[in-house]
PDB file of all heavy atoms in Angstrom:
ATOM      1  N   ALA A   1     104.458  85.465 119.700  1.00  0.00           N
ATOM      2  CA  ALA A   1     103.657  85.688 118.494  1.00  0.00           C
ATOM      3  C   ALA A   1     104.094  86.956 117.754  1.00  0.00           C
ATOM      4  O   ALA A   1     104.163  86.967 116.504  1.00  0.00           O
ATOM      5  CB  ALA A   1     102.177  85.755 118.887  1.00  0.00           C
ATOM      6  N   VAL A   2     104.369  87.999 118.498  1.00  0.00           N
ATOM      7  CA  VAL A   2     104.803  89.277 117.878  1.00  0.00           C
ATOM      8  C   VAL A   2     106.159  89.085 117.177  1.00  0.00           C
ATOM      9  O   VAL A   2     106.362  89.503 116.029  1.00  0.00           O
ATOM     10  CB  VAL A   2     104.843  90.408 118.897  1.00  0.00           C
ATOM     11  CG1 VAL A   2     105.601  91.593 118.384  1.00  0.00           C
ATOM     12  CG2 VAL A   2     103.422  90.798 119.301  1.00  0.00           C
ATOM     13  N   CYS A   3     107.080  88.440 117.839  1.00  0.00           N
ATOM     14  CA  CYS A   3     108.410  88.200 117.273  1.00  0.00           C
ATOM     15  C   CYS A   3     108.305  87.341 116.014  1.00  0.00           C
ATOM     16  O   CYS A   3     108.954  87.604 114.984  1.00  0.00           O
ATOM     17  CB  CYS A   3     109.345  87.543 118.279  1.00  0.00           C
ATOM     18  SG  CYS A   3     109.883  88.689 119.595  1.00  0.00           S
ATOM     19  N   ALA A   4     107.484  86.279 116.065  1.00  0.00           N
ATOM     20  CA  ALA A   4     107.324  85.408 114.890  1.00  0.00           C
ATOM     21  C   ALA A   4     106.676  86.162 113.735  1.00  0.00           C
ATOM     22  O   ALA A   4     107.045  85.978 112.588  1.00  0.00           O
ATOM     23  CB  ALA A   4     106.466  84.197 115.293  1.00  0.00           C
ATOM     24  N   ALA A   5     105.702  87.027 114.038  1.00  0.00           N
ATOM     25  CA  ALA A   5     105.034  87.814 112.990  1.00  0.00           C
ATOM     26  C   ALA A   5     106.050  88.778 112.353  1.00  0.00           C
ATOM     27  O   ALA A   5     106.104  88.868 111.125  1.00  0.00           O
ATOM     28  CB  ALA A   5     103.848  88.589 113.593  1.00  0.00           C
ATOM     29  N   LEU A   6     106.843  89.462 113.140  1.00  0.00           N
ATOM     30  CA  LEU A   6     107.824  90.387 112.592  1.00  0.00           C
ATOM     31  C   LEU A   6     108.890  89.663 111.774  1.00  0.00           C
ATOM     32  O   LEU A   6     109.282  90.096 110.688  1.00  0.00           O
ATOM     33  CB  LEU A   6     108.492  91.191 113.698  1.00  0.00           C
ATOM     34  CG  LEU A   6     107.580  92.192 114.421  1.00  0.00           C
ATOM     35  CD1 LEU A   6     108.311  92.843 115.597  1.00  0.00           C
ATOM     36  CD2 LEU A   6     107.089  93.259 113.443  1.00  0.00           C
ATOM     37  N   LEU A   7     109.345  88.508 112.291  1.00  0.00           N
ATOM     38  CA  LEU A   7     110.338  87.739 111.548  1.00  0.00           C
ATOM     39  C   LEU A   7     109.763  87.243 110.200  1.00  0.00           C
ATOM     40  O   LEU A   7     110.424  87.321 109.174  1.00  0.00           O
ATOM     41  CB  LEU A   7     110.781  86.527 112.387  1.00  0.00           C
ATOM     42  CG  LEU A   7     111.835  85.634 111.785  1.00  0.00           C
ATOM     43  CD1 LEU A   7     113.142  86.416 111.573  1.00  0.00           C
ATOM     44  CD2 LEU A   7     112.100  84.422 112.653  1.00  0.00           C
ATOM     45  N   SER A   8     108.518  86.776 110.227  1.00  0.00           N
ATOM     46  CA  SER A   8     107.893  86.314 108.970  1.00  0.00           C
ATOM     47  C   SER A   8     107.709  87.433 107.951  1.00  0.00           C
ATOM     48  O   SER A   8     108.041  87.230 106.776  1.00  0.00           O
ATOM     49  CB  SER A   8     106.519  85.683 109.290  1.00  0.00           C
ATOM     50  OG  SER A   8     106.653  84.584 110.179  1.00  0.00           O
ATOM     51  N   VAL A   9     107.276  88.589 108.402  1.00  0.00           N
ATOM     52  CA  VAL A   9     107.082  89.701 107.482  1.00  0.00           C
ATOM     53  C   VAL A   9     108.432  90.158 106.936  1.00  0.00           C
ATOM     54  O   VAL A   9     108.574  90.427 105.753  1.00  0.00           O
ATOM     55  CB  VAL A   9     106.349  90.893 108.191  1.00  0.00           C
ATOM     56  CG1 VAL A   9     106.410  92.147 107.356  1.00  0.00           C
ATOM     57  CG2 VAL A   9     104.918  90.498 108.479  1.00  0.00           C
ATOM     58  N   GLY A  10     109.464  90.207 107.801  1.00  0.00           N
ATOM     59  CA  GLY A  10     110.787  90.586 107.322  1.00  0.00           C
ATOM     60  C   GLY A  10     111.358  89.606 106.267  1.00  0.00           C
ATOM     61  O   GLY A  10     111.906  90.016 105.265  1.00  0.00           O
ATOM     62  N   MET A  11     111.137  88.319 106.542  1.00  0.00           N
ATOM     63  CA  MET A  11     111.630  87.312 105.566  1.00  0.00           C
ATOM     64  C   MET A  11     110.892  87.433 104.225  1.00  0.00           C
ATOM     65  O   MET A  11     111.512  87.355 103.161  1.00  0.00           O
ATOM     66  CB  MET A  11     111.425  85.920 106.151  1.00  0.00           C
ATOM     67  CG  MET A  11     112.289  85.603 107.321  1.00  0.00           C
ATOM     68  SD  MET A  11     113.946  85.111 106.898  1.00  0.00           S
ATOM     69  CE  MET A  11     113.685  83.619 106.043  1.00  0.00           C
ATOM     70  N   LEU A  12     109.574  87.638 104.285  1.00  0.00           N
ATOM     71  CA  LEU A  12     108.832  87.761 103.045  1.00  0.00           C
ATOM     72  C   LEU A  12     109.217  89.017 102.275  1.00  0.00           C
ATOM     73  O   LEU A  12     109.317  89.000 101.041  1.00  0.00           O
ATOM     74  CB  LEU A  12     107.306  87.761 103.353  1.00  0.00           C
ATOM     75  CG  LEU A  12     106.720  86.421 103.756  1.00  0.00           C
ATOM     76  CD1 LEU A  12     105.265  86.584 104.201  1.00  0.00           C
ATOM     77  CD2 LEU A  12     106.783  85.433 102.590  1.00  0.00           C
ATOM     78  N   ALA A  13     109.474  90.117 102.978  1.00  0.00           N
ATOM     79  CA  ALA A  13     109.893  91.327 102.319  1.00  0.00           C
ATOM     80  C   ALA A  13     111.259  91.144 101.675  1.00  0.00           C
ATOM     81  O   ALA A  13     111.534  91.655 100.561  1.00  0.00           O
ATOM     82  CB  ALA A  13     109.915  92.523 103.298  1.00  0.00           C
ATOM     83  N   TRP A  14     112.162  90.455 102.353  1.00  0.00           N
ATOM     84  CA  TRP A  14     113.483  90.163 101.815  1.00  0.00           C
ATOM     85  C   TRP A  14     113.363  89.321 100.542  1.00  0.00           C
ATOM     86  O   TRP A  14     113.999  89.578  99.551  1.00  0.00           O
ATOM     87  CB  TRP A  14     114.338  89.491 102.873  1.00  0.00           C
ATOM     88  CG  TRP A  14     115.717  89.141 102.377  1.00  0.00           C
ATOM     89  CD1 TRP A  14     116.782  90.000 102.289  1.00  0.00           C
ATOM     90  CD2 TRP A  14     116.175  87.869 101.905  1.00  0.00           C
ATOM     91  NE1 TRP A  14     117.865  89.346 101.811  1.00  0.00           N
ATOM     92  CE2 TRP A  14     117.522  88.042 101.581  1.00  0.00           C
ATOM     93  CE3 TRP A  14     115.574  86.634 101.769  1.00  0.00           C
ATOM     94  CZ2 TRP A  14     118.290  86.965 101.079  1.00  0.00           C
ATOM     95  CZ3 TRP A  14     116.319  85.589 101.281  1.00  0.00           C
ATOM     96  CH2 TRP A  14     117.677  85.769 100.946  1.00  0.00           C
ATOM     97  N   LEU A  15     112.506  88.286 100.598  1.00  0.00           N
ATOM     98  CA  LEU A  15     112.295  87.424  99.425  1.00  0.00           C
ATOM     99  C   LEU A  15     111.710  88.223  98.276  1.00  0.00           C
ATOM    100  O   LEU A  15     112.099  88.035  97.103  1.00  0.00           O
ATOM    101  CB  LEU A  15     111.365  86.254  99.783  1.00  0.00           C
ATOM    102  CG  LEU A  15     112.010  85.109 100.566  1.00  0.00           C
ATOM    103  CD1 LEU A  15     110.951  84.132 101.025  1.00  0.00           C
ATOM    104  CD2 LEU A  15     113.084  84.446  99.716  1.00  0.00           C
ATOM    105  N   MET A  16     110.784  89.107  98.581  1.00  0.00           N
ATOM    106  CA  MET A  16     110.158  89.942  97.545  1.00  0.00           C
ATOM    107  C   MET A  16     111.248  90.825  96.860  1.00  0.00           C
ATOM    108  O   MET A  16     111.277  90.890  95.630  1.00  0.00           O
ATOM    109  CB  MET A  16     109.090  90.805  98.141  1.00  0.00           C
ATOM    110  CG  MET A  16     108.445  91.763  97.158  1.00  0.00           C
ATOM    111  SD  MET A  16     107.221  92.782  97.993  1.00  0.00           S
ATOM    112  CE  MET A  16     107.652  94.356  97.353  1.00  0.00           C
ATOM    113  N   GLU A  17     112.119  91.412  97.649  1.00  0.00           N
ATOM    114  CA  GLU A  17     113.133  92.274  97.081  1.00  0.00           C
ATOM    115  C   GLU A  17     114.125  91.437  96.241  1.00  0.00           C
ATOM    116  O   GLU A  17     114.496  91.839  95.148  1.00  0.00           O
ATOM    117  CB  GLU A  17     113.893  93.006  98.181  1.00  0.00           C
ATOM    118  CG  GLU A  17     114.733  94.181  97.703  1.00  0.00           C
ATOM    119  CD  GLU A  17     116.097  93.766  97.132  1.00  0.00           C
ATOM    120  OE1 GLU A  17     116.632  92.720  97.543  1.00  0.00           O
ATOM    121  OE2 GLU A  17     116.609  94.515  96.298  1.00  0.00           O
ATOM    122  N   ARG A  18     114.515  90.276  96.751  1.00  0.00           N
ATOM    123  CA  ARG A  18     115.483  89.426  96.043  1.00  0.00           C
ATOM    124  C   ARG A  18     114.927  88.853  94.767  1.00  0.00           C
ATOM    125  O   ARG A  18     115.562  88.883  93.719  1.00  0.00           O
ATOM    126  CB  ARG A  18     115.960  88.289  96.940  1.00  0.00           C
ATOM    127  CG  ARG A  18     116.819  88.677  98.101  1.00  0.00           C
ATOM    128  CD  ARG A  18     118.202  89.028  97.688  1.00  0.00           C
ATOM    129  NE  ARG A  18     118.829  87.924  97.069  1.00  0.00           N
ATOM    130  CZ  ARG A  18     120.122  87.662  97.142  1.00  0.00           C
ATOM    131  NH1 ARG A  18     120.895  88.407  97.900  1.00  0.00           N
ATOM    132  NH2 ARG A  18     120.648  86.620  96.524  1.00  0.00           N
ATOM    133  N   ALA A  19     113.687  88.311  94.849  1.00  0.00           N
ATOM    134  CA  ALA A  19     113.151  87.546  93.696  1.00  0.00           C
ATOM    135  C   ALA A  19     112.368  88.390  92.697  1.00  0.00           C
ATOM    136  O   ALA A  19     112.306  88.039  91.536  1.00  0.00           O
ATOM    137  CB  ALA A  19     112.257  86.412  94.260  1.00  0.00           C
ATOM    138  N   LEU A  20     111.761  89.485  93.152  1.00  0.00           N
ATOM    139  CA  LEU A  20     110.900  90.240  92.287  1.00  0.00           C
ATOM    140  C   LEU A  20     111.424  91.645  91.946  1.00  0.00           C
ATOM    141  O   LEU A  20     111.462  92.041  90.793  1.00  0.00           O
ATOM    142  CB  LEU A  20     109.516  90.379  92.916  1.00  0.00           C
ATOM    143  CG  LEU A  20     108.779  89.072  93.237  1.00  0.00           C
ATOM    144  CD1 LEU A  20     107.477  89.333  93.940  1.00  0.00           C
ATOM    145  CD2 LEU A  20     108.534  88.275  91.944  1.00  0.00           C
ATOM    146  N   VAL A  21     111.845  92.385  92.972  1.00  0.00           N
ATOM    147  CA  VAL A  21     112.243  93.754  92.758  1.00  0.00           C
ATOM    148  C   VAL A  21     113.623  93.854  92.082  1.00  0.00           C
ATOM    149  O   VAL A  21     113.788  94.576  91.126  1.00  0.00           O
ATOM    150  CB  VAL A  21     112.232  94.544  94.076  1.00  0.00           C
ATOM    151  CG1 VAL A  21     112.796  95.956  93.907  1.00  0.00           C
ATOM    152  CG2 VAL A  21     110.838  94.599  94.648  1.00  0.00           C
ATOM    153  N   ARG A  22     114.562  93.108  92.573  1.00  0.00           N
ATOM    154  CA  ARG A  22     115.958  93.243  92.083  1.00  0.00           C
ATOM    155  C   ARG A  22     116.058  92.916  90.589  1.00  0.00           C
ATOM    156  O   ARG A  22     116.725  93.652  89.852  1.00  0.00           O
ATOM    157  CB  ARG A  22     116.880  92.355  92.924  1.00  0.00           C
ATOM    158  CG  ARG A  22     118.340  92.561  92.586  1.00  0.00           C
ATOM    159  CD  ARG A  22     119.235  91.812  93.527  1.00  0.00           C
ATOM    160  NE  ARG A  22     119.102  92.309  94.881  1.00  0.00           N
ATOM    161  CZ  ARG A  22     119.787  91.808  95.906  1.00  0.00           C
ATOM    162  NH1 ARG A  22     120.659  90.834  95.718  1.00  0.00           N
ATOM    163  NH2 ARG A  22     119.640  92.322  97.108  1.00  0.00           N
ATOM    164  N   PRO A  23     115.419  91.849  90.104  1.00  0.00           N
ATOM    165  CA  PRO A  23     115.540  91.581  88.650  1.00  0.00           C
ATOM    166  C   PRO A  23     114.917  92.646  87.789  1.00  0.00           C
ATOM    167  O   PRO A  23     115.240  92.775  86.613  1.00  0.00           O
ATOM    168  CB  PRO A  23     114.811  90.245  88.477  1.00  0.00           C
ATOM    169  CG  PRO A  23     114.813  89.621  89.816  1.00  0.00           C
ATOM    170  CD  PRO A  23     114.753  90.727  90.787  1.00  0.00           C
ATOM    171  N   LEU A  24     113.962  93.426  88.344  1.00  0.00           N
ATOM    172  CA  LEU A  24     113.262  94.449  87.548  1.00  0.00           C
ATOM    173  C   LEU A  24     113.752  95.878  87.794  1.00  0.00           C
ATOM    174  O   LEU A  24     113.121  96.849  87.409  1.00  0.00           O
ATOM    175  CB  LEU A  24     111.771  94.372  87.802  1.00  0.00           C
ATOM    176  CG  LEU A  24     111.082  93.070  87.425  1.00  0.00           C
ATOM    177  CD1 LEU A  24     109.638  93.086  87.839  1.00  0.00           C
ATOM    178  CD2 LEU A  24     111.223  92.816  85.914  1.00  0.00           C
ATOM    179  N   ARG A  25     114.885  95.998  88.496  1.00  0.00           N
ATOM    180  CA  ARG A  25     115.355  97.323  88.895  1.00  0.00           C
ATOM    181  C   ARG A  25     115.656  98.235  87.701  1.00  0.00           C
ATOM    182  O   ARG A  25     115.465  99.419  87.781  1.00  0.00           O
ATOM    183  CB  ARG A  25     116.602  97.193  89.768  1.00  0.00           C
ATOM    184  CG  ARG A  25     117.044  98.545  90.311  1.00  0.00           C
ATOM    185  CD  ARG A  25     117.920  98.459  91.508  1.00  0.00           C
ATOM    186  NE  ARG A  25     117.455  97.658  92.591  1.00  0.00           N
ATOM    187  CZ  ARG A  25     116.564  98.077  93.481  1.00  0.00           C
ATOM    188  NH1 ARG A  25     116.010  99.257  93.358  1.00  0.00           N
ATOM    189  NH2 ARG A  25     116.204  97.313  94.494  1.00  0.00           N
ATOM    190  N   ALA A  26     116.072  97.670  86.592  1.00  0.00           N
ATOM    191  CA  ALA A  26     116.371  98.487  85.412  1.00  0.00           C
ATOM    192  C   ALA A  26     115.127  98.924  84.654  1.00  0.00           C
ATOM    193  O   ALA A  26     115.193  99.733  83.755  1.00  0.00           O
ATOM    194  CB  ALA A  26     117.307  97.716  84.497  1.00  0.00           C
ATOM    195  N   ARG A  27     113.989  98.363  85.026  1.00  0.00           N
ATOM    196  CA  ARG A  27     112.744  98.705  84.332  1.00  0.00           C
ATOM    197  C   ARG A  27     112.231 100.066  84.817  1.00  0.00           C
ATOM    198  O   ARG A  27     112.648 100.558  85.848  1.00  0.00           O
ATOM    199  CB  ARG A  27     111.696  97.627  84.611  1.00  0.00           C
ATOM    200  CG  ARG A  27     112.089  96.229  84.196  1.00  0.00           C
ATOM    201  CD  ARG A  27     111.981  96.081  82.715  1.00  0.00           C
ATOM    202  NE  ARG A  27     112.316  94.747  82.293  1.00  0.00           N
ATOM    203  CZ  ARG A  27     112.068  94.244  81.136  1.00  0.00           C
ATOM    204  NH1 ARG A  27     111.459  95.002  80.229  1.00  0.00           N
ATOM    205  NH2 ARG A  27     112.417  93.037  80.810  1.00  0.00           N
ATOM    206  N   PRO A  28     111.264 100.632  84.121  1.00  0.00           N
ATOM    207  CA  PRO A  28     110.684 101.896  84.564  1.00  0.00           C
ATOM    208  C   PRO A  28     110.039 101.764  85.944  1.00  0.00           C
ATOM    209  O   PRO A  28     109.628 100.665  86.370  1.00  0.00           O
ATOM    210  CB  PRO A  28     109.614 102.206  83.516  1.00  0.00           C
ATOM    211  CG  PRO A  28     110.037 101.423  82.292  1.00  0.00           C
ATOM    212  CD  PRO A  28     110.724 100.220  82.825  1.00  0.00           C
ATOM    213  N   ALA A  29     109.925 102.871  86.656  1.00  0.00           N
ATOM    214  CA  ALA A  29     109.412 102.872  88.050  1.00  0.00           C
ATOM    215  C   ALA A  29     107.987 102.326  88.131  1.00  0.00           C
ATOM    216  O   ALA A  29     107.618 101.680  89.095  1.00  0.00           O
ATOM    217  CB  ALA A  29     109.492 104.259  88.638  1.00  0.00           C
ATOM    218  N   TRP A  30     107.183 102.582  87.092  1.00  0.00           N
ATOM    219  CA  TRP A  30     105.780 102.117  87.155  1.00  0.00           C
ATOM    220  C   TRP A  30     105.685 100.625  87.143  1.00  0.00           C
ATOM    221  O   TRP A  30     104.745 100.051  87.688  1.00  0.00           O
ATOM    222  CB  TRP A  30     104.955 102.721  86.012  1.00  0.00           C
ATOM    223  CG  TRP A  30     105.371 102.321  84.631  1.00  0.00           C
ATOM    224  CD1 TRP A  30     106.256 102.980  83.803  1.00  0.00           C
ATOM    225  CD2 TRP A  30     104.958 101.158  83.921  1.00  0.00           C
ATOM    226  NE1 TRP A  30     106.404 102.311  82.615  1.00  0.00           N
ATOM    227  CE2 TRP A  30     105.610 101.182  82.650  1.00  0.00           C
ATOM    228  CE3 TRP A  30     104.091 100.125  84.197  1.00  0.00           C
ATOM    229  CZ2 TRP A  30     105.419 100.203  81.709  1.00  0.00           C
ATOM    230  CZ3 TRP A  30     103.867  99.136  83.237  1.00  0.00           C
ATOM    231  CH2 TRP A  30     104.535  99.191  82.010  1.00  0.00           C
ATOM    232  N   VAL A  31     106.686  99.933  86.593  1.00  0.00           N
ATOM    233  CA  VAL A  31     106.716  98.452  86.614  1.00  0.00           C
ATOM    234  C   VAL A  31     106.846  97.959  88.045  1.00  0.00           C
ATOM    235  O   VAL A  31     106.138  97.055  88.508  1.00  0.00           O
ATOM    236  CB  VAL A  31     107.833  97.913  85.703  1.00  0.00           C
ATOM    237  CG1 VAL A  31     107.947  96.392  85.841  1.00  0.00           C
ATOM    238  CG2 VAL A  31     107.604  98.290  84.257  1.00  0.00           C
ATOM    239  N   LEU A  32     107.775  98.560  88.795  1.00  0.00           N
ATOM    240  CA  LEU A  32     107.960  98.187  90.206  1.00  0.00           C
ATOM    241  C   LEU A  32     106.694  98.534  91.017  1.00  0.00           C
ATOM    242  O   LEU A  32     106.338  97.796  91.934  1.00  0.00           O
ATOM    243  CB  LEU A  32     109.182  98.864  90.785  1.00  0.00           C
ATOM    244  CG  LEU A  32     110.524  98.320  90.287  1.00  0.00           C
ATOM    245  CD1 LEU A  32     111.659  99.137  90.885  1.00  0.00           C
ATOM    246  CD2 LEU A  32     110.682  96.869  90.646  1.00  0.00           C
ATOM    247  N   THR A  33     106.085  99.650  90.704  1.00  0.00           N
ATOM    248  CA  THR A  33     104.851 100.051  91.436  1.00  0.00           C
ATOM    249  C   THR A  33     103.754  98.998  91.191  1.00  0.00           C
ATOM    250  O   THR A  33     103.071  98.580  92.128  1.00  0.00           O
ATOM    251  CB  THR A  33     104.407 101.440  91.007  1.00  0.00           C
ATOM    252  OG1 THR A  33     105.438 102.376  91.281  1.00  0.00           O
ATOM    253  CG2 THR A  33     103.142 101.860  91.772  1.00  0.00           C
ATOM    254  N   LEU A  34     103.585  98.572  89.975  1.00  0.00           N
ATOM    255  CA  LEU A  34     102.601  97.567  89.660  1.00  0.00           C
ATOM    256  C   LEU A  34     102.975  96.237  90.310  1.00  0.00           C
ATOM    257  O   LEU A  34     102.096  95.471  90.754  1.00  0.00           O
ATOM    258  CB  LEU A  34     102.456  97.373  88.160  1.00  0.00           C
ATOM    259  CG  LEU A  34     101.744  98.508  87.440  1.00  0.00           C
ATOM    260  CD1 LEU A  34     101.689  98.207  85.933  1.00  0.00           C
ATOM    261  CD2 LEU A  34     100.342  98.735  87.988  1.00  0.00           C
ATOM    262  N   LEU A  35     104.260  95.950  90.408  1.00  0.00           N
ATOM    263  CA  LEU A  35     104.702  94.722  91.090  1.00  0.00           C
ATOM    264  C   LEU A  35     104.301  94.751  92.563  1.00  0.00           C
ATOM    265  O   LEU A  35     103.807  93.751  93.090  1.00  0.00           O
ATOM    266  CB  LEU A  35     106.208  94.595  90.933  1.00  0.00           C
ATOM    267  CG  LEU A  35     106.845  93.443  91.739  1.00  0.00           C
ATOM    268  CD1 LEU A  35     106.458  92.118  91.131  1.00  0.00           C
ATOM    269  CD2 LEU A  35     108.347  93.584  91.758  1.00  0.00           C
ATOM    270  N   THR A  36     104.499  95.886  93.220  1.00  0.00           N
ATOM    271  CA  THR A  36     104.092  95.977  94.632  1.00  0.00           C
ATOM    272  C   THR A  36     102.583  95.853  94.770  1.00  0.00           C
ATOM    273  O   THR A  36     102.095  95.297  95.762  1.00  0.00           O
ATOM    274  CB  THR A  36     104.570  97.274  95.260  1.00  0.00           C
ATOM    275  OG1 THR A  36     103.942  98.402  94.658  1.00  0.00           O
ATOM    276  CG2 THR A  36     106.083  97.427  95.183  1.00  0.00           C
ATOM    277  N   LEU A  37     101.820  96.328  93.784  1.00  0.00           N
ATOM    278  CA  LEU A  37     100.370  96.146  93.825  1.00  0.00           C
ATOM    279  C   LEU A  37      99.997  94.682  93.711  1.00  0.00           C
ATOM    280  O   LEU A  37      99.110  94.196  94.394  1.00  0.00           O
ATOM    281  CB  LEU A  37      99.715  96.978  92.691  1.00  0.00           C
ATOM    282  CG  LEU A  37      98.186  96.929  92.606  1.00  0.00           C
ATOM    283  CD1 LEU A  37      97.583  97.516  93.886  1.00  0.00           C
ATOM    284  CD2 LEU A  37      97.704  97.648  91.382  1.00  0.00           C
ATOM    285  N   ALA A  38     100.683  93.954  92.835  1.00  0.00           N
ATOM    286  CA  ALA A  38     100.449  92.523  92.711  1.00  0.00           C
ATOM    287  C   ALA A  38     100.780  91.779  94.010  1.00  0.00           C
ATOM    288  O   ALA A  38     100.026  90.905  94.438  1.00  0.00           O
ATOM    289  CB  ALA A  38     101.284  91.956  91.551  1.00  0.00           C
TER     290      ALA A  38
END
């Protein structure tokens, strides 16, 4: 259960960086901060 939880969280964080953070990297920092809040 612990390994599955860590793997799932890691995959979701990777997806978040690829799909949400990376396309907005050129935007101001507050945009990324609001994205993490969402």
